[in-house]
């Protein structure tokens, strides 16, 4: 099992910071048709309704994430939390990219909860992990992107350096069809019970749509 702690400096700037953790065995497939049917028939509509009711910036859990980014010293309009970016795509009628069953469920959890969600290949990361604020000059190669400046962003790291963030993950531990054990993290900057709810349906979606098994769930505060 992986071990995760939250850096005290991050908690000092945003005490509500918590991380939901799900570690599991899985056989990554290209696509789950039932999940995409659910997304298109139900989730996209609910998401557009939420945008209509709140406006993207004020959707629950996105709102708090934007405030946390400001507290960490990052402009949330330039470096959006990943859930906001996904929801904006849906609102613009662009839909979502099809990647693989784990990443697609990752995005489903994020859209429904408003939390940023990241999934990492356990074989590519160390056992000891820390969630901290990105350091001055810190960068990494993003998935499908060039070098990303991650200073002042909420960052997941191990002894080798940064692995991902609640905005965009690095290539190092990206989920491919070779992954057999995965750590999915739900990044929460809210003090509501929404994280506990997201853990429950996140586990259900991973089992139902990604075929995940032997799922271990815990929350780091």
Protein backbone atom coordinates (compact mmCIF):
# COMPACT_ATOMS: atom_id res chain seq x y z
CA UNK A 1 0.00 0.00 0.00
CA UNK A 2 1.14 3.52 -0.77
CA UNK A 3 1.51 6.03 2.07
CA UNK A 4 0.46 9.66 1.54
CA UNK A 5 0.83 12.68 3.79
CA UNK A 6 -0.13 16.32 3.34
CA UNK A 7 2.67 18.85 3.83
CA UNK A 8 2.10 21.06 6.90
CA UNK A 9 2.86 24.18 4.85
CA UNK A 10 -0.05 23.35 2.55
CA UNK A 11 -2.38 22.73 5.51
CA UNK A 12 -1.32 26.04 7.02
CA UNK A 13 -2.35 27.94 3.89
CA UNK A 14 -5.53 25.90 3.31
CA UNK A 15 -6.56 23.85 6.38
CA UNK A 16 -9.46 22.16 4.54
CA UNK A 17 -7.06 20.23 2.27
CA UNK A 18 -7.82 16.49 2.22
CA UNK A 19 -7.11 13.65 -0.20
CA UNK A 20 -9.29 10.61 -0.85
CA UNK A 21 -7.24 7.55 -1.82
CA UNK A 22 -8.31 4.42 -3.71
CA UNK A 23 -5.67 1.78 -4.49
CA UNK A 24 -6.71 -1.26 -6.52
CA UNK A 25 -5.88 -4.01 -9.00
CA UNK A 26 -7.14 -3.56 -12.55
CA UNK A 27 -6.87 -4.68 -16.16
CA UNK A 28 -6.99 -1.47 -18.15
CA UNK A 29 -9.15 -1.67 -21.26
CA UNK A 30 -9.62 0.73 -24.14
CA UNK A 31 -13.27 1.66 -23.52
CA UNK A 32 -16.40 0.79 -21.54
CA UNK A 33 -19.48 1.42 -23.68
CA UNK A 34 -21.88 1.39 -20.70
CA UNK A 35 -19.94 4.16 -19.00
CA UNK A 36 -19.97 6.35 -22.08
CA UNK A 37 -23.70 5.78 -22.47
CA UNK A 38 -24.20 6.89 -18.86
CA UNK A 39 -22.02 9.95 -19.43
CA UNK A 40 -23.84 11.06 -22.55
CA UNK A 41 -27.39 10.34 -21.34
CA UNK A 42 -27.15 11.53 -17.74
CA UNK A 43 -23.91 13.18 -16.63
CA UNK A 44 -23.51 15.68 -19.44
CA UNK A 45 -27.04 16.99 -18.87
CA UNK A 46 -26.54 17.28 -15.09
CA UNK A 47 -23.28 19.11 -15.71
CA UNK A 48 -24.85 21.61 -18.10
CA UNK A 49 -27.64 22.16 -15.55
CA UNK A 50 -25.05 22.86 -12.84
CA UNK A 51 -23.32 25.38 -15.09
CA UNK A 52 -26.69 27.07 -15.68
CA UNK A 53 -27.49 27.13 -11.94
CA UNK A 54 -24.12 28.27 -10.61
CA UNK A 55 -21.81 29.38 -13.39
CA UNK A 56 -18.65 27.25 -13.64
CA UNK A 57 -16.60 29.18 -11.08
CA UNK A 58 -19.21 28.74 -8.34
CA UNK A 59 -19.99 25.05 -8.78
CA UNK A 60 -19.49 23.38 -5.37
CA UNK A 61 -15.91 22.10 -4.83
CA UNK A 62 -14.67 24.01 -7.88
CA UNK A 63 -15.32 27.25 -6.01
CA UNK A 64 -13.31 26.10 -3.00
CA UNK A 65 -10.50 24.76 -5.22
CA UNK A 66 -10.17 28.15 -6.92
CA UNK A 67 -9.93 29.86 -3.53
CA UNK A 68 -7.26 27.37 -2.42
CA UNK A 69 -5.23 28.05 -5.58
CA UNK A 70 -5.26 31.76 -4.75
CA UNK A 71 -4.10 30.98 -1.21
CA UNK A 72 -1.20 28.94 -2.63
CA UNK A 73 -0.23 31.81 -4.94
CA UNK A 74 -1.54 30.53 -8.31
CA UNK A 75 -4.04 32.28 -10.57
CA UNK A 76 -6.96 29.81 -10.93
CA UNK A 77 -8.07 31.46 -14.17
CA UNK A 78 -4.73 30.67 -15.83
CA UNK A 79 -4.08 27.32 -14.15
CA UNK A 80 -7.49 25.72 -13.76
CA UNK A 81 -8.22 22.81 -11.48
CA UNK A 82 -8.76 19.80 -13.77
CA UNK A 83 -12.42 19.34 -12.81
CA UNK A 84 -13.16 22.89 -13.92
CA UNK A 85 -11.40 22.30 -17.24
CA UNK A 86 -13.45 19.13 -17.85
CA UNK A 87 -16.74 20.81 -16.95
CA UNK A 88 -15.95 23.77 -19.20
CA UNK A 89 -15.39 21.37 -22.12
CA UNK A 90 -18.83 19.85 -21.54
CA UNK A 91 -20.43 23.28 -21.29
CA UNK A 92 -18.83 24.24 -24.60
CA UNK A 93 -20.22 21.11 -26.25
CA UNK A 94 -16.75 19.60 -26.82
CA UNK A 95 -17.40 16.42 -24.84
CA UNK A 96 -14.50 14.44 -23.38
CA UNK A 97 -11.49 12.60 -24.79
CA UNK A 98 -11.70 8.81 -24.73
CA UNK A 99 -8.48 7.54 -23.15
CA UNK A 100 -8.94 4.20 -21.38
CA UNK A 101 -11.29 2.73 -18.78
CA UNK A 102 -9.37 3.97 -15.73
CA UNK A 103 -8.78 7.51 -17.00
CA UNK A 104 -12.36 7.75 -18.27
CA UNK A 105 -13.74 6.75 -14.84
CA UNK A 106 -11.26 9.17 -13.27
CA UNK A 107 -12.86 11.95 -15.34
CA UNK A 108 -16.39 10.76 -14.54
CA UNK A 109 -15.70 11.01 -10.78
CA UNK A 110 -14.21 14.47 -11.28
CA UNK A 111 -17.17 15.78 -13.27
CA UNK A 112 -19.77 14.45 -10.84
CA UNK A 113 -17.97 15.66 -7.71
CA UNK A 114 -16.32 18.90 -8.83
CA UNK A 115 -13.04 17.62 -7.34
CA UNK A 116 -9.83 17.16 -9.26
CA UNK A 117 -9.04 13.44 -9.58
CA UNK A 118 -5.73 11.88 -10.61
CA UNK A 119 -4.83 8.24 -11.31
CA UNK A 120 -1.26 6.91 -11.16
CA UNK A 121 0.46 3.65 -12.11
CA UNK A 122 1.69 2.24 -8.79
CA UNK A 123 4.70 0.62 -10.45
CA UNK A 124 6.01 4.06 -11.52
CA UNK A 125 5.85 5.81 -8.12
CA UNK A 126 7.46 5.29 -4.72
CA UNK A 127 5.64 3.98 -1.66
CA UNK A 128 6.02 7.27 0.25
CA UNK A 129 4.11 10.20 -1.28
CA UNK A 130 3.53 13.80 -0.27
CA UNK A 131 0.92 16.36 -1.32
CA UNK A 132 2.57 19.78 -1.21
CA UNK A 133 2.83 23.16 -2.90
CA UNK A 134 5.00 23.29 -6.02
CA UNK A 135 8.41 24.90 -5.54
CA UNK A 136 9.94 27.87 -7.36
CA UNK A 137 11.11 26.85 -10.83
CA UNK A 138 9.65 23.34 -10.54
CA UNK A 139 8.37 21.81 -13.81
CA UNK A 140 7.56 18.49 -15.39
CA UNK A 141 6.52 17.05 -18.76
CA UNK A 142 2.74 17.05 -18.82
CA UNK A 143 0.62 14.38 -20.46
CA UNK A 144 0.35 15.41 -24.11
CA UNK A 145 1.96 18.75 -23.27
CA UNK A 146 5.31 20.46 -23.01
CA UNK A 147 6.94 21.36 -19.70
CA UNK A 148 4.37 22.63 -17.18
CA UNK A 149 5.29 25.19 -14.56
CA UNK A 150 4.03 23.73 -11.30
CA UNK A 151 5.35 26.29 -8.82
CA UNK A 152 2.59 27.24 -6.34
CA UNK A 153 0.28 24.49 -7.66
CA UNK A 154 -0.93 21.66 -5.41
CA UNK A 155 1.53 18.88 -6.30
CA UNK A 156 1.82 15.14 -5.66
CA UNK A 157 5.45 14.06 -5.28
CA UNK A 158 7.74 11.25 -4.19
CA UNK A 159 11.49 11.17 -3.52
CA UNK A 160 12.24 11.48 -7.25
CA UNK A 161 10.16 14.63 -7.61
CA UNK A 162 6.72 15.76 -8.69
CA UNK A 163 4.36 13.22 -10.26
CA UNK A 164 1.18 15.17 -10.79
CA UNK A 165 -1.02 18.04 -9.69
CA UNK A 166 -4.68 18.89 -9.38
CA UNK A 167 -4.34 20.80 -12.67
CA UNK A 168 -2.43 18.44 -14.97
CA UNK A 169 -0.42 15.27 -14.33
CA UNK A 170 3.06 14.32 -15.54
CA UNK A 171 3.86 11.58 -18.02
CA UNK A 172 5.86 9.57 -15.47
CA UNK A 173 2.98 7.66 -13.87
CA UNK A 174 0.30 8.08 -16.53
CA UNK A 175 -2.17 5.23 -16.91
CA UNK A 176 -1.64 3.02 -19.95
CA UNK A 177 -3.02 -0.42 -20.76
CA UNK A 178 0.12 -1.88 -19.14
CA UNK A 179 -0.88 -0.70 -15.66
CA UNK A 180 -2.06 -3.45 -13.28
CA UNK A 181 -2.20 -1.58 -9.96
CA UNK A 182 -3.46 1.99 -9.74
CA UNK A 183 -3.70 4.71 -7.12
CA UNK A 184 -6.59 7.12 -7.72
CA UNK A 185 -6.57 10.32 -5.66
CA UNK A 186 -9.48 12.72 -5.13
CA UNK A 187 -8.10 16.15 -4.22
CA UNK A 188 -10.46 18.07 -1.92
CA UNK A 189 -10.16 21.66 -0.75
CA UNK A 190 -13.68 21.74 0.73
CA UNK A 191 -14.89 21.11 4.29
CA UNK A 192 -18.13 19.42 3.19
CA UNK A 193 -18.93 15.71 3.24
CA UNK A 194 -18.75 15.61 -0.58
CA UNK A 195 -15.38 13.84 -0.45
CA UNK A 196 -16.86 10.91 1.48
CA UNK A 197 -19.69 10.69 -1.07
CA UNK A 198 -17.24 10.84 -3.99
CA UNK A 199 -15.24 8.00 -2.44
CA UNK A 200 -18.37 5.85 -2.31
CA UNK A 201 -19.52 6.31 -5.89
CA UNK A 202 -15.93 6.45 -7.11
CA UNK A 203 -15.37 2.93 -5.77
CA UNK A 204 -18.63 1.80 -7.40
CA UNK A 205 -17.69 3.30 -10.79
CA UNK A 206 -14.20 1.77 -10.69
CA UNK A 207 -15.69 -1.66 -10.04
CA UNK A 208 -18.53 -1.29 -12.54
CA UNK A 209 -16.81 0.46 -15.43
CA UNK A 210 -13.08 -0.30 -15.02
CA UNK A 211 -13.29 -3.80 -13.51
CA UNK A 212 -11.24 -2.73 -10.47
CA UNK A 213 -10.82 -5.28 -7.67
CA UNK A 214 -9.26 -5.47 -4.20
CA UNK A 215 -9.97 -1.76 -3.68
CA UNK A 216 -8.52 -0.15 -0.55
CA UNK A 217 -10.05 3.23 0.39
CA UNK A 218 -8.86 5.83 2.91
CA UNK A 219 -8.84 9.60 3.43
CA UNK A 220 -5.73 11.62 4.37
CA UNK A 221 -6.33 14.80 6.36
